[in-house]
Amino acid sequence: MHPDGYIQLKDAPRTSSFRAERIFIDRVENALYKHPAVLFAAVVAKPDPKWGETPCAFVELRPGHADITEADLIGFCRDNLARFKCPKHVVFCELPKTTTGKIQKFRLREQAKALD
């Protein structure tokens, strides 16, 4: 419970193995949520020919922050995370959600596989 009464529920930590390093996806997402322009964020593994998998962030921006770039968010993550944990790609889009508001990561994984 946060000081303002907000209750945050968390699932068991999810990990993905990127470059033989263990990256906790929720830590990368939490770093993205600290950016004032980010409304929603989700990080999934994107296949990579060299490393096997790399982090790929899908971000929905708050209204009025359309000028934020991929480089801005990657730089922000580098200031707040170890370099190898930072997303290599950032996709700006409306995130697919269930009727209860949960982000559908399986759909984002399919989109990440389709990226060049």
PDB file of N, CA and C in Angstrom:
ATOM      1  N   MET A   1       0.842  -1.169   0.000  1.00  0.00           N
ATOM      2  CA  MET A   1       0.000   0.000   0.000  1.00  0.00           C
ATOM      3  C   MET A   1       0.888   1.232   0.000  1.00  0.00           C
ATOM      4  N   HIS A   2       0.564   2.154  -0.889  1.00  0.00           N
ATOM      5  CA  HIS A   2       1.301   3.397  -0.994  1.00  0.00           C
ATOM      6  C   HIS A   2       0.773   4.405   0.034  1.00  0.00           C
ATOM      7  N   PRO A   3       1.554   5.426   0.371  1.00  0.00           N
ATOM      8  CA  PRO A   3       1.120   6.414   1.369  1.00  0.00           C
ATOM      9  C   PRO A   3      -0.212   7.098   1.043  1.00  0.00           C
ATOM     10  N   ASP A   4      -0.536   7.211  -0.259  1.00  0.00           N
ATOM     11  CA  ASP A   4      -1.788   7.866  -0.637  1.00  0.00           C
ATOM     12  C   ASP A   4      -2.985   6.921  -0.622  1.00  0.00           C
ATOM     13  N   GLY A   5      -2.779   5.677  -0.133  1.00  0.00           N
ATOM     14  CA  GLY A   5      -3.861   4.709  -0.050  1.00  0.00           C
ATOM     15  C   GLY A   5      -3.996   3.819  -1.264  1.00  0.00           C
ATOM     16  N   TYR A   6      -3.204   4.064  -2.292  1.00  0.00           N
ATOM     17  CA  TYR A   6      -3.231   3.261  -3.511  1.00  0.00           C
ATOM     18  C   TYR A   6      -2.652   1.885  -3.214  1.00  0.00           C
ATOM     19  N   ILE A   7      -3.361   0.849  -3.610  1.00  0.00           N
ATOM     20  CA  ILE A   7      -2.886  -0.515  -3.417  1.00  0.00           C
ATOM     21  C   ILE A   7      -2.363  -1.029  -4.744  1.00  0.00           C
ATOM     22  N   GLN A   8      -1.136  -1.528  -4.749  1.00  0.00           N
ATOM     23  CA  GLN A   8      -0.524  -2.055  -5.963  1.00  0.00           C
ATOM     24  C   GLN A   8      -0.388  -3.559  -5.802  1.00  0.00           C
ATOM     25  N   LEU A   9      -1.018  -4.313  -6.716  1.00  0.00           N
ATOM     26  CA  LEU A   9      -0.940  -5.766  -6.700  1.00  0.00           C
ATOM     27  C   LEU A   9       0.124  -6.211  -7.684  1.00  0.00           C
ATOM     28  N   LYS A  10       0.935  -7.154  -7.273  1.00  0.00           N
ATOM     29  CA  LYS A  10       1.980  -7.659  -8.154  1.00  0.00           C
ATOM     30  C   LYS A  10       1.881  -9.168  -8.240  1.00  0.00           C
ATOM     31  N   ASP A  11       2.141  -9.647  -9.418  1.00  0.00           N
ATOM     32  CA  ASP A  11       2.214 -11.069  -9.679  1.00  0.00           C
ATOM     33  C   ASP A  11       3.632 -11.525  -9.343  1.00  0.00           C
ATOM     34  N   ALA A  12       3.873 -12.790  -9.428  1.00  0.00           N
ATOM     35  CA  ALA A  12       5.236 -13.288  -9.228  1.00  0.00           C
ATOM     36  C   ALA A  12       6.136 -12.642 -10.270  1.00  0.00           C
ATOM     37  N   PRO A  13       7.380 -12.310  -9.897  1.00  0.00           N
ATOM     38  CA  PRO A  13       8.259 -11.652 -10.873  1.00  0.00           C
ATOM     39  C   PRO A  13       8.498 -12.523 -12.102  1.00  0.00           C
ATOM     40  N   ARG A  14       8.429 -11.895 -13.249  1.00  0.00           N
ATOM     41  CA  ARG A  14       8.676 -12.614 -14.495  1.00  0.00           C
ATOM     42  C   ARG A  14      10.086 -12.293 -14.953  1.00  0.00           C
ATOM     43  N   THR A  15      10.738 -13.281 -15.479  1.00  0.00           N
ATOM     44  CA  THR A  15      12.079 -13.052 -15.986  1.00  0.00           C
ATOM     45  C   THR A  15      12.148 -13.535 -17.424  1.00  0.00           C
ATOM     46  N   SER A  16      13.056 -12.963 -18.133  1.00  0.00           N
ATOM     47  CA  SER A  16      13.403 -13.439 -19.464  1.00  0.00           C
ATOM     48  C   SER A  16      14.906 -13.492 -19.528  1.00  0.00           C
ATOM     49  N   SER A  17      15.417 -14.436 -20.268  1.00  0.00           N
ATOM     50  CA  SER A  17      16.857 -14.556 -20.366  1.00  0.00           C
ATOM     51  C   SER A  17      17.313 -13.853 -21.629  1.00  0.00           C
ATOM     52  N   PHE A  18      17.930 -12.697 -21.452  1.00  0.00           N
ATOM     53  CA  PHE A  18      18.476 -11.935 -22.560  1.00  0.00           C
ATOM     54  C   PHE A  18      19.995 -12.031 -22.449  1.00  0.00           C
ATOM     55  N   ARG A  19      20.681 -12.444 -23.514  1.00  0.00           N
ATOM     56  CA  ARG A  19      22.144 -12.481 -23.556  1.00  0.00           C
ATOM     57  C   ARG A  19      22.742 -13.210 -22.357  1.00  0.00           C
ATOM     58  N   ALA A  20      22.126 -14.247 -21.896  1.00  0.00           N
ATOM     59  CA  ALA A  20      22.582 -15.014 -20.746  1.00  0.00           C
ATOM     60  C   ALA A  20      22.535 -14.192 -19.458  1.00  0.00           C
ATOM     61  N   GLU A  21      21.849 -13.081 -19.488  1.00  0.00           N
ATOM     62  CA  GLU A  21      21.629 -12.259 -18.299  1.00  0.00           C
ATOM     63  C   GLU A  21      20.162 -12.392 -17.920  1.00  0.00           C
ATOM     64  N   ARG A  22      19.880 -12.375 -16.631  1.00  0.00           N
ATOM     65  CA  ARG A  22      18.500 -12.449 -16.179  1.00  0.00           C
ATOM     66  C   ARG A  22      17.980 -11.023 -16.001  1.00  0.00           C
ATOM     67  N   ILE A  23      16.923 -10.710 -16.694  1.00  0.00           N
ATOM     68  CA  ILE A  23      16.321  -9.386 -16.598  1.00  0.00           C
ATOM     69  C   ILE A  23      14.908  -9.563 -16.052  1.00  0.00           C
ATOM     70  N   PHE A  24      14.614  -8.874 -14.965  1.00  0.00           N
ATOM     71  CA  PHE A  24      13.274  -8.886 -14.429  1.00  0.00           C
ATOM     72  C   PHE A  24      12.470  -7.831 -15.177  1.00  0.00           C
ATOM     73  N   ILE A  25      11.505  -8.304 -15.966  1.00  0.00           N
ATOM     74  CA  ILE A  25      10.717  -7.446 -16.831  1.00  0.00           C
ATOM     75  C   ILE A  25      10.019  -6.348 -16.032  1.00  0.00           C
ATOM     76  N   ASP A  26       9.520  -6.670 -14.836  1.00  0.00           N
ATOM     77  CA  ASP A  26       8.793  -5.665 -14.066  1.00  0.00           C
ATOM     78  C   ASP A  26       9.695  -4.504 -13.648  1.00  0.00           C
ATOM     79  N   ARG A  27      10.985  -4.735 -13.470  1.00  0.00           N
ATOM     80  CA  ARG A  27      11.900  -3.640 -13.131  1.00  0.00           C
ATOM     81  C   ARG A  27      12.081  -2.685 -14.304  1.00  0.00           C
ATOM     82  N   VAL A  28      12.131  -3.230 -15.503  1.00  0.00           N
ATOM     83  CA  VAL A  28      12.246  -2.381 -16.698  1.00  0.00           C
ATOM     84  C   VAL A  28      10.952  -1.580 -16.874  1.00  0.00           C
ATOM     85  N   GLU A  29       9.811  -2.243 -16.682  1.00  0.00           N
ATOM     86  CA  GLU A  29       8.531  -1.548 -16.794  1.00  0.00           C
ATOM     87  C   GLU A  29       8.403  -0.460 -15.733  1.00  0.00           C
ATOM     88  N   ASN A  30       8.833  -0.750 -14.500  1.00  0.00           N
ATOM     89  CA  ASN A  30       8.765   0.259 -13.439  1.00  0.00           C
ATOM     90  C   ASN A  30       9.625   1.470 -13.774  1.00  0.00           C
ATOM     91  N   ALA A  31      10.784   1.251 -14.378  1.00  0.00           N
ATOM     92  CA  ALA A  31      11.634   2.375 -14.786  1.00  0.00           C
ATOM     93  C   ALA A  31      10.919   3.217 -15.843  1.00  0.00           C
ATOM     94  N   LEU A  32      10.257   2.581 -16.784  1.00  0.00           N
ATOM     95  CA  LEU A  32       9.522   3.322 -17.814  1.00  0.00           C
ATOM     96  C   LEU A  32       8.377   4.124 -17.202  1.00  0.00           C
ATOM     97  N   TYR A  33       7.686   3.531 -16.223  1.00  0.00           N
ATOM     98  CA  TYR A  33       6.562   4.224 -15.587  1.00  0.00           C
ATOM     99  C   TYR A  33       7.004   5.462 -14.820  1.00  0.00           C
ATOM    100  N   LYS A  34       8.279   5.563 -14.475  1.00  0.00           N
ATOM    101  CA  LYS A  34       8.779   6.754 -13.777  1.00  0.00           C
ATOM    102  C   LYS A  34       8.873   7.964 -14.699  1.00  0.00           C
ATOM    103  N   HIS A  35       8.902   7.723 -16.001  1.00  0.00           N
ATOM    104  CA  HIS A  35       8.963   8.831 -16.961  1.00  0.00           C
ATOM    105  C   HIS A  35       7.602   9.533 -16.982  1.00  0.00           C
ATOM    106  N   PRO A  36       7.580  10.858 -16.888  1.00  0.00           N
ATOM    107  CA  PRO A  36       6.303  11.582 -16.806  1.00  0.00           C
ATOM    108  C   PRO A  36       5.415  11.463 -18.046  1.00  0.00           C
ATOM    109  N   ALA A  37       5.965  11.071 -19.185  1.00  0.00           N
ATOM    110  CA  ALA A  37       5.165  10.982 -20.406  1.00  0.00           C
ATOM    111  C   ALA A  37       4.510   9.615 -20.588  1.00  0.00           C
ATOM    112  N   VAL A  38       4.898   8.626 -19.786  1.00  0.00           N
ATOM    113  CA  VAL A  38       4.419   7.252 -19.991  1.00  0.00           C
ATOM    114  C   VAL A  38       3.121   7.020 -19.222  1.00  0.00           C
ATOM    115  N   LEU A  39       2.088   6.625 -19.954  1.00  0.00           N
ATOM    116  CA  LEU A  39       0.808   6.272 -19.348  1.00  0.00           C
ATOM    117  C   LEU A  39       0.778   4.772 -19.052  1.00  0.00           C
ATOM    118  N   PHE A  40       1.092   3.945 -20.060  1.00  0.00           N
ATOM    119  CA  PHE A  40       1.168   2.497 -19.907  1.00  0.00           C
ATOM    120  C   PHE A  40       2.443   1.992 -20.572  1.00  0.00           C
ATOM    121  N   ALA A  41       3.020   0.932 -20.007  1.00  0.00           N
ATOM    122  CA  ALA A  41       4.231   0.348 -20.591  1.00  0.00           C
ATOM    123  C   ALA A  41       4.206  -1.158 -20.400  1.00  0.00           C
ATOM    124  N   ALA A  42       4.745  -1.859 -21.373  1.00  0.00           N
ATOM    125  CA  ALA A  42       4.904  -3.308 -21.289  1.00  0.00           C
ATOM    126  C   ALA A  42       6.199  -3.666 -22.012  1.00  0.00           C
ATOM    127  N   VAL A  43       6.950  -4.585 -21.429  1.00  0.00           N
ATOM    128  CA  VAL A  43       8.221  -5.017 -22.013  1.00  0.00           C
ATOM    129  C   VAL A  43       8.135  -6.509 -22.295  1.00  0.00           C
ATOM    130  N   VAL A  44       8.531  -6.890 -23.498  1.00  0.00           N
ATOM    131  CA  VAL A  44       8.542  -8.300 -23.898  1.00  0.00           C
ATOM    132  C   VAL A  44       9.876  -8.611 -24.573  1.00  0.00           C
ATOM    133  N   ALA A  45      10.137  -9.889 -24.742  1.00  0.00           N
ATOM    134  CA  ALA A  45      11.353 -10.318 -25.418  1.00  0.00           C
ATOM    135  C   ALA A  45      11.158 -10.238 -26.931  1.00  0.00           C
ATOM    136  N   LYS A  46      12.136  -9.646 -27.604  1.00  0.00           N
ATOM    137  CA  LYS A  46      12.136  -9.574 -29.068  1.00  0.00           C
ATOM    138  C   LYS A  46      13.269 -10.453 -29.569  1.00  0.00           C
ATOM    139  N   PRO A  47      12.991 -11.359 -30.478  1.00  0.00           N
ATOM    140  CA  PRO A  47      14.067 -12.197 -31.017  1.00  0.00           C
ATOM    141  C   PRO A  47      15.174 -11.348 -31.631  1.00  0.00           C
ATOM    142  N   ASP A  48      16.415 -11.760 -31.397  1.00  0.00           N
ATOM    143  CA  ASP A  48      17.571 -11.039 -31.904  1.00  0.00           C
ATOM    144  C   ASP A  48      18.566 -12.051 -32.453  1.00  0.00           C
ATOM    145  N   PRO A  49      19.077 -11.857 -33.689  1.00  0.00           N
ATOM    146  CA  PRO A  49      19.986 -12.845 -34.271  1.00  0.00           C
ATOM    147  C   PRO A  49      21.315 -12.975 -33.519  1.00  0.00           C
ATOM    148  N   LYS A  50      21.768 -11.892 -32.899  1.00  0.00           N
ATOM    149  CA  LYS A  50      23.051 -11.938 -32.205  1.00  0.00           C
ATOM    150  C   LYS A  50      22.917 -12.406 -30.764  1.00  0.00           C
ATOM    151  N   TRP A  51      21.947 -11.858 -30.028  1.00  0.00           N
ATOM    152  CA  TRP A  51      21.834 -12.109 -28.589  1.00  0.00           C
ATOM    153  C   TRP A  51      20.784 -13.138 -28.220  1.00  0.00           C
ATOM    154  N   GLY A  52      19.981 -13.572 -29.159  1.00  0.00           N
ATOM    155  CA  GLY A  52      18.902 -14.502 -28.844  1.00  0.00           C
ATOM    156  C   GLY A  52      17.607 -13.743 -28.597  1.00  0.00           C
ATOM    157  N   GLU A  53      17.604 -12.891 -27.568  1.00  0.00           N
ATOM    158  CA  GLU A  53      16.461 -12.035 -27.267  1.00  0.00           C
ATOM    159  C   GLU A  53      16.970 -10.717 -26.710  1.00  0.00           C
ATOM    160  N   THR A  54      16.221  -9.650 -26.992  1.00  0.00           N
ATOM    161  CA  THR A  54      16.515  -8.343 -26.404  1.00  0.00           C
ATOM    162  C   THR A  54      15.204  -7.732 -25.911  1.00  0.00           C
ATOM    163  N   PRO A  55      15.268  -6.850 -24.915  1.00  0.00           N
ATOM    164  CA  PRO A  55      14.034  -6.220 -24.425  1.00  0.00           C
ATOM    165  C   PRO A  55      13.440  -5.270 -25.449  1.00  0.00           C
ATOM    166  N   CYS A  56      12.136  -5.337 -25.590  1.00  0.00           N
ATOM    167  CA  CYS A  56      11.397  -4.455 -26.487  1.00  0.00           C
ATOM    168  C   CYS A  56      10.246  -3.855 -25.684  1.00  0.00           C
ATOM    169  N   ALA A  57      10.173  -2.535 -25.629  1.00  0.00           N
ATOM    170  CA  ALA A  57       9.144  -1.852 -24.846  1.00  0.00           C
ATOM    171  C   ALA A  57       8.024  -1.365 -25.757  1.00  0.00           C
ATOM    172  N   PHE A  58       6.812  -1.552 -25.303  1.00  0.00           N
ATOM    173  CA  PHE A  58       5.631  -0.993 -25.949  1.00  0.00           C
ATOM    174  C   PHE A  58       5.081   0.048 -24.987  1.00  0.00           C
ATOM    175  N   VAL A  59       4.901   1.273 -25.473  1.00  0.00           N
ATOM    176  CA  VAL A  59       4.558   2.388 -24.596  1.00  0.00           C
ATOM    177  C   VAL A  59       3.364   3.142 -25.148  1.00  0.00           C
ATOM    178  N   GLU A  60       2.439   3.462 -24.247  1.00  0.00           N
ATOM    179  CA  GLU A  60       1.318   4.336 -24.561  1.00  0.00           C
ATOM    180  C   GLU A  60       1.579   5.639 -23.809  1.00  0.00           C
ATOM    181  N   LEU A  61       1.645   6.740 -24.546  1.00  0.00           N
ATOM    182  CA  LEU A  61       1.991   8.030 -23.956  1.00  0.00           C
ATOM    183  C   LEU A  61       0.764   8.751 -23.392  1.00  0.00           C
ATOM    184  N   ARG A  62       1.029   9.597 -22.410  1.00  0.00           N
ATOM    185  CA  ARG A  62      -0.017  10.464 -21.866  1.00  0.00           C
ATOM    186  C   ARG A  62      -0.359  11.518 -22.921  1.00  0.00           C
ATOM    187  N   PRO A  63      -1.584  12.012 -22.899  1.00  0.00           N
ATOM    188  CA  PRO A  63      -1.962  13.072 -23.841  1.00  0.00           C
ATOM    189  C   PRO A  63      -1.040  14.287 -23.671  1.00  0.00           C
ATOM    190  N   GLY A  64      -0.645  14.874 -24.790  1.00  0.00           N
ATOM    191  CA  GLY A  64       0.205  16.053 -24.767  1.00  0.00           C
ATOM    192  C   GLY A  64       1.690  15.764 -24.761  1.00  0.00           C
ATOM    193  N   HIS A  65       2.074  14.499 -24.877  1.00  0.00           N
ATOM    194  CA  HIS A  65       3.493  14.126 -24.865  1.00  0.00           C
ATOM    195  C   HIS A  65       3.891  13.413 -26.155  1.00  0.00           C
ATOM    196  N   ALA A  66       3.319  13.810 -27.267  1.00  0.00           N
ATOM    197  CA  ALA A  66       3.588  13.156 -28.541  1.00  0.00           C
ATOM    198  C   ALA A  66       4.998  13.419 -29.047  1.00  0.00           C
ATOM    199  N   ASP A  67       5.717  14.378 -28.438  1.00  0.00           N
ATOM    200  CA  ASP A  67       7.055  14.729 -28.916  1.00  0.00           C
ATOM    201  C   ASP A  67       8.147  13.828 -28.332  1.00  0.00           C
ATOM    202  N   ILE A  68       7.804  12.899 -27.462  1.00  0.00           N
ATOM    203  CA  ILE A  68       8.781  11.977 -26.875  1.00  0.00           C
ATOM    204  C   ILE A  68       9.225  10.981 -27.944  1.00  0.00           C
ATOM    205  N   THR A  69      10.532  10.722 -28.020  1.00  0.00           N
ATOM    206  CA  THR A  69      11.067   9.805 -29.021  1.00  0.00           C
ATOM    207  C   THR A  69      11.574   8.518 -28.372  1.00  0.00           C
ATOM    208  N   GLU A  70      11.865   7.553 -29.221  1.00  0.00           N
ATOM    209  CA  GLU A  70      12.438   6.289 -28.769  1.00  0.00           C
ATOM    210  C   GLU A  70      13.767   6.548 -28.046  1.00  0.00           C
ATOM    211  N   ALA A  71      14.591   7.428 -28.597  1.00  0.00           N
ATOM    212  CA  ALA A  71      15.882   7.746 -27.987  1.00  0.00           C
ATOM    213  C   ALA A  71      15.718   8.382 -26.607  1.00  0.00           C
ATOM    214  N   ASP A  72      14.678   9.208 -26.433  1.00  0.00           N
ATOM    215  CA  ASP A  72      14.415   9.825 -25.130  1.00  0.00           C
ATOM    216  C   ASP A  72      14.160   8.762 -24.067  1.00  0.00           C
ATOM    217  N   LEU A  73      13.295   7.792 -24.382  1.00  0.00           N
ATOM    218  CA  LEU A  73      12.954   6.764 -23.400  1.00  0.00           C
ATOM    219  C   LEU A  73      14.105   5.800 -23.147  1.00  0.00           C
ATOM    220  N   ILE A  74      14.855   5.451 -24.177  1.00  0.00           N
ATOM    221  CA  ILE A  74      16.010   4.573 -23.982  1.00  0.00           C
ATOM    222  C   ILE A  74      17.050   5.287 -23.122  1.00  0.00           C
ATOM    223  N   GLY A  75      17.271   6.566 -23.369  1.00  0.00           N
ATOM    224  CA  GLY A  75      18.198   7.345 -22.553  1.00  0.00           C
ATOM    225  C   GLY A  75      17.743   7.437 -21.103  1.00  0.00           C
ATOM    226  N   PHE A  76      16.434   7.610 -20.901  1.00  0.00           N
ATOM    227  CA  PHE A  76      15.886   7.658 -19.550  1.00  0.00           C
ATOM    228  C   PHE A  76      16.124   6.330 -18.836  1.00  0.00           C
ATOM    229  N   CYS A  77      15.919   5.228 -19.544  1.00  0.00           N
ATOM    230  CA  CYS A  77      16.157   3.903 -18.955  1.00  0.00           C
ATOM    231  C   CYS A  77      17.641   3.719 -18.615  1.00  0.00           C
ATOM    232  N   ARG A  78      18.516   4.198 -19.468  1.00  0.00           N
ATOM    233  CA  ARG A  78      19.959   4.071 -19.196  1.00  0.00           C
ATOM    234  C   ARG A  78      20.363   4.840 -17.951  1.00  0.00           C
ATOM    235  N   ASP A  79      19.645   5.924 -17.656  1.00  0.00           N
ATOM    236  CA  ASP A  79      19.916   6.692 -16.440  1.00  0.00           C
ATOM    237  C   ASP A  79      19.412   5.973 -15.186  1.00  0.00           C
ATOM    238  N   ASN A  80      18.462   5.043 -15.360  1.00  0.00           N
ATOM    239  CA  ASN A  80      17.817   4.411 -14.216  1.00  0.00           C
ATOM    240  C   ASN A  80      18.045   2.906 -14.099  1.00  0.00           C
ATOM    241  N   LEU A  81      18.677   2.301 -15.103  1.00  0.00           N
ATOM    242  CA  LEU A  81      18.890   0.846 -15.114  1.00  0.00           C
ATOM    243  C   LEU A  81      20.302   0.536 -15.601  1.00  0.00           C
ATOM    244  N   ALA A  82      20.727  -0.690 -15.360  1.00  0.00           N
ATOM    245  CA  ALA A  82      21.964  -1.159 -15.976  1.00  0.00           C
ATOM    246  C   ALA A  82      21.767  -1.160 -17.489  1.00  0.00           C
ATOM    247  N   ARG A  83      22.800  -0.876 -18.219  1.00  0.00           N
ATOM    248  CA  ARG A  83      22.699  -0.716 -19.674  1.00  0.00           C
ATOM    249  C   ARG A  83      22.127  -1.950 -20.379  1.00  0.00           C
ATOM    250  N   PHE A  84      22.509  -3.145 -19.929  1.00  0.00           N
ATOM    251  CA  PHE A  84      22.031  -4.348 -20.615  1.00  0.00           C
ATOM    252  C   PHE A  84      20.546  -4.600 -20.376  1.00  0.00           C
ATOM    253  N   LYS A  85      19.947  -3.947 -19.380  1.00  0.00           N
ATOM    254  CA  LYS A  85      18.529  -4.131 -19.094  1.00  0.00           C
ATOM    255  C   LYS A  85      17.638  -3.197 -19.903  1.00  0.00           C
ATOM    256  N   CYS A  86      18.223  -2.201 -20.508  1.00  0.00           N
ATOM    257  CA  CYS A  86      17.440  -1.192 -21.229  1.00  0.00           C
ATOM    258  C   CYS A  86      16.840  -1.764 -22.507  1.00  0.00           C
ATOM    259  N   PRO A  87      15.617  -1.316 -22.844  1.00  0.00           N
ATOM    260  CA  PRO A  87      15.024  -1.778 -24.101  1.00  0.00           C
ATOM    261  C   PRO A  87      15.862  -1.331 -25.294  1.00  0.00           C
ATOM    262  N   LYS A  88      15.978  -2.187 -26.265  1.00  0.00           N
ATOM    263  CA  LYS A  88      16.703  -1.847 -27.497  1.00  0.00           C
ATOM    264  C   LYS A  88      15.762  -1.200 -28.508  1.00  0.00           C
ATOM    265  N   HIS A  89      14.471  -1.456 -28.334  1.00  0.00           N
ATOM    266  CA  HIS A  89      13.441  -0.894 -29.215  1.00  0.00           C
ATOM    267  C   HIS A  89      12.286  -0.399 -28.356  1.00  0.00           C
ATOM    268  N   VAL A  90      11.683   0.710 -28.782  1.00  0.00           N
ATOM    269  CA  VAL A  90      10.489   1.236 -28.131  1.00  0.00           C
ATOM    270  C   VAL A  90       9.450   1.460 -29.214  1.00  0.00           C
ATOM    271  N   VAL A  91       8.277   0.883 -29.026  1.00  0.00           N
ATOM    272  CA  VAL A  91       7.178   1.023 -29.979  1.00  0.00           C
ATOM    273  C   VAL A  91       6.081   1.833 -29.292  1.00  0.00           C
ATOM    274  N   PHE A  92       5.667   2.926 -29.928  1.00  0.00           N
ATOM    275  CA  PHE A  92       4.603   3.760 -29.382  1.00  0.00           C
ATOM    276  C   PHE A  92       3.283   3.326 -30.016  1.00  0.00           C
ATOM    277  N   CYS A  93       2.345   2.919 -29.181  1.00  0.00           N
ATOM    278  CA  CYS A  93       1.053   2.457 -29.678  1.00  0.00           C
ATOM    279  C   CYS A  93       0.061   2.405 -28.523  1.00  0.00           C
ATOM    280  N   GLU A  94      -1.199   2.195 -28.867  1.00  0.00           N
ATOM    281  CA  GLU A  94      -2.191   1.929 -27.836  1.00  0.00           C
ATOM    282  C   GLU A  94      -2.060   0.454 -27.489  1.00  0.00           C
ATOM    283  N   LEU A  95      -1.830   0.162 -26.222  1.00  0.00           N
ATOM    284  CA  LEU A  95      -1.580  -1.217 -25.818  1.00  0.00           C
ATOM    285  C   LEU A  95      -2.878  -2.014 -25.802  1.00  0.00           C
ATOM    286  N   PRO A  96      -2.829  -3.260 -26.301  1.00  0.00           N
ATOM    287  CA  PRO A  96      -4.031  -4.104 -26.265  1.00  0.00           C
ATOM    288  C   PRO A  96      -4.323  -4.533 -24.826  1.00  0.00           C
ATOM    289  N   LYS A  97      -5.571  -4.343 -24.411  1.00  0.00           N
ATOM    290  CA  LYS A  97      -5.956  -4.674 -23.037  1.00  0.00           C
ATOM    291  C   LYS A  97      -7.227  -5.511 -23.037  1.00  0.00           C
ATOM    292  N   THR A  98      -7.400  -6.266 -21.950  1.00  0.00           N
ATOM    293  CA  THR A  98      -8.643  -7.009 -21.749  1.00  0.00           C
ATOM    294  C   THR A  98      -9.713  -6.026 -21.286  1.00  0.00           C
ATOM    295  N   THR A  99     -10.928  -6.499 -21.129  1.00  0.00           N
ATOM    296  CA  THR A  99     -12.005  -5.634 -20.655  1.00  0.00           C
ATOM    297  C   THR A  99     -11.770  -5.168 -19.223  1.00  0.00           C
ATOM    298  N   THR A 100     -10.935  -5.881 -18.479  1.00  0.00           N
ATOM    299  CA  THR A 100     -10.624  -5.458 -17.108  1.00  0.00           C
ATOM    300  C   THR A 100      -9.400  -4.553 -17.053  1.00  0.00           C
ATOM    301  N   GLY A 101      -8.758  -4.288 -18.202  1.00  0.00           N
ATOM    302  CA  GLY A 101      -7.639  -3.365 -18.260  1.00  0.00           C
ATOM    303  C   GLY A 101      -6.267  -4.002 -18.210  1.00  0.00           C
ATOM    304  N   LYS A 102      -6.192  -5.328 -18.171  1.00  0.00           N
ATOM    305  CA  LYS A 102      -4.887  -5.993 -18.139  1.00  0.00           C
ATOM    306  C   LYS A 102      -4.269  -5.984 -19.542  1.00  0.00           C
ATOM    307  N   ILE A 103      -2.993  -5.655 -19.602  1.00  0.00           N
ATOM    308  CA  ILE A 103      -2.286  -5.598 -20.887  1.00  0.00           C
ATOM    309  C   ILE A 103      -2.083  -7.013 -21.407  1.00  0.00           C
ATOM    310  N   GLN A 104      -2.403  -7.223 -22.669  1.00  0.00           N
ATOM    311  CA  GLN A 104      -2.296  -8.545 -23.294  1.00  0.00           C
ATOM    312  C   GLN A 104      -0.906  -8.711 -23.904  1.00  0.00           C
ATOM    313  N   LYS A 105       0.008  -9.223 -23.099  1.00  0.00           N
ATOM    314  CA  LYS A 105       1.398  -9.335 -23.544  1.00  0.00           C
ATOM    315  C   LYS A 105       1.584 -10.374 -24.645  1.00  0.00           C
ATOM    316  N   PHE A 106       0.743 -11.372 -24.709  1.00  0.00           N
ATOM    317  CA  PHE A 106       0.889 -12.363 -25.773  1.00  0.00           C
ATOM    318  C   PHE A 106       0.737 -11.709 -27.137  1.00  0.00           C
ATOM    319  N   ARG A 107      -0.114 -10.698 -27.236  1.00  0.00           N
ATOM    320  CA  ARG A 107      -0.277  -9.983 -28.506  1.00  0.00           C
ATOM    321  C   ARG A 107       0.937  -9.112 -28.796  1.00  0.00           C
ATOM    322  N   LEU A 108       1.531  -8.554 -27.747  1.00  0.00           N
ATOM    323  CA  LEU A 108       2.742  -7.739 -27.933  1.00  0.00           C
ATOM    324  C   LEU A 108       3.924  -8.604 -28.346  1.00  0.00           C
ATOM    325  N   ARG A 109       4.006  -9.819 -27.815  1.00  0.00           N
ATOM    326  CA  ARG A 109       5.094 -10.742 -28.223  1.00  0.00           C
ATOM    327  C   ARG A 109       4.986 -11.046 -29.709  1.00  0.00           C
ATOM    328  N   GLU A 110       3.761 -11.221 -30.209  1.00  0.00           N
ATOM    329  CA  GLU A 110       3.565 -11.473 -31.643  1.00  0.00           C
ATOM    330  C   GLU A 110       4.011 -10.272 -32.459  1.00  0.00           C
ATOM    331  N   GLN A 111       3.699  -9.064 -31.992  1.00  0.00           N
ATOM    332  CA  GLN A 111       4.121  -7.851 -32.693  1.00  0.00           C
ATOM    333  C   GLN A 111       5.633  -7.702 -32.669  1.00  0.00           C
ATOM    334  N   ALA A 112       6.255  -8.026 -31.539  1.00  0.00           N
ATOM    335  CA  ALA A 112       7.721  -7.918 -31.419  1.00  0.00           C
ATOM    336  C   ALA A 112       8.416  -8.861 -32.388  1.00  0.00           C
ATOM    337  N   LYS A 113       7.868 -10.052 -32.575  1.00  0.00           N
ATOM    338  CA  LYS A 113       8.468 -11.008 -33.514  1.00  0.00           C
ATOM    339  C   LYS A 113       8.391 -10.493 -34.951  1.00  0.00           C
ATOM    340  N   ALA A 114       7.353  -9.709 -35.243  1.00  0.00           N
ATOM    341  CA  ALA A 114       7.167  -9.198 -36.601  1.00  0.00           C
ATOM    342  C   ALA A 114       8.031  -7.976 -36.916  1.00  0.00           C
ATOM    343  N   LEU A 115       8.612  -7.342 -35.874  1.00  0.00           N
ATOM    344  CA  LEU A 115       9.469  -6.168 -36.102  1.00  0.00           C
ATOM    345  C   LEU A 115      10.779  -6.585 -36.753  1.00  0.00           C
ATOM    346  N   ASP A 116      11.338  -5.692 -37.548  1.00  0.00           N
ATOM    347  CA  ASP A 116      12.643  -5.978 -38.186  1.00  0.00           C
ATOM    348  C   ASP A 116      13.755  -5.779 -37.217  1.00  0.00           C
TER     349      ASP A 116
END
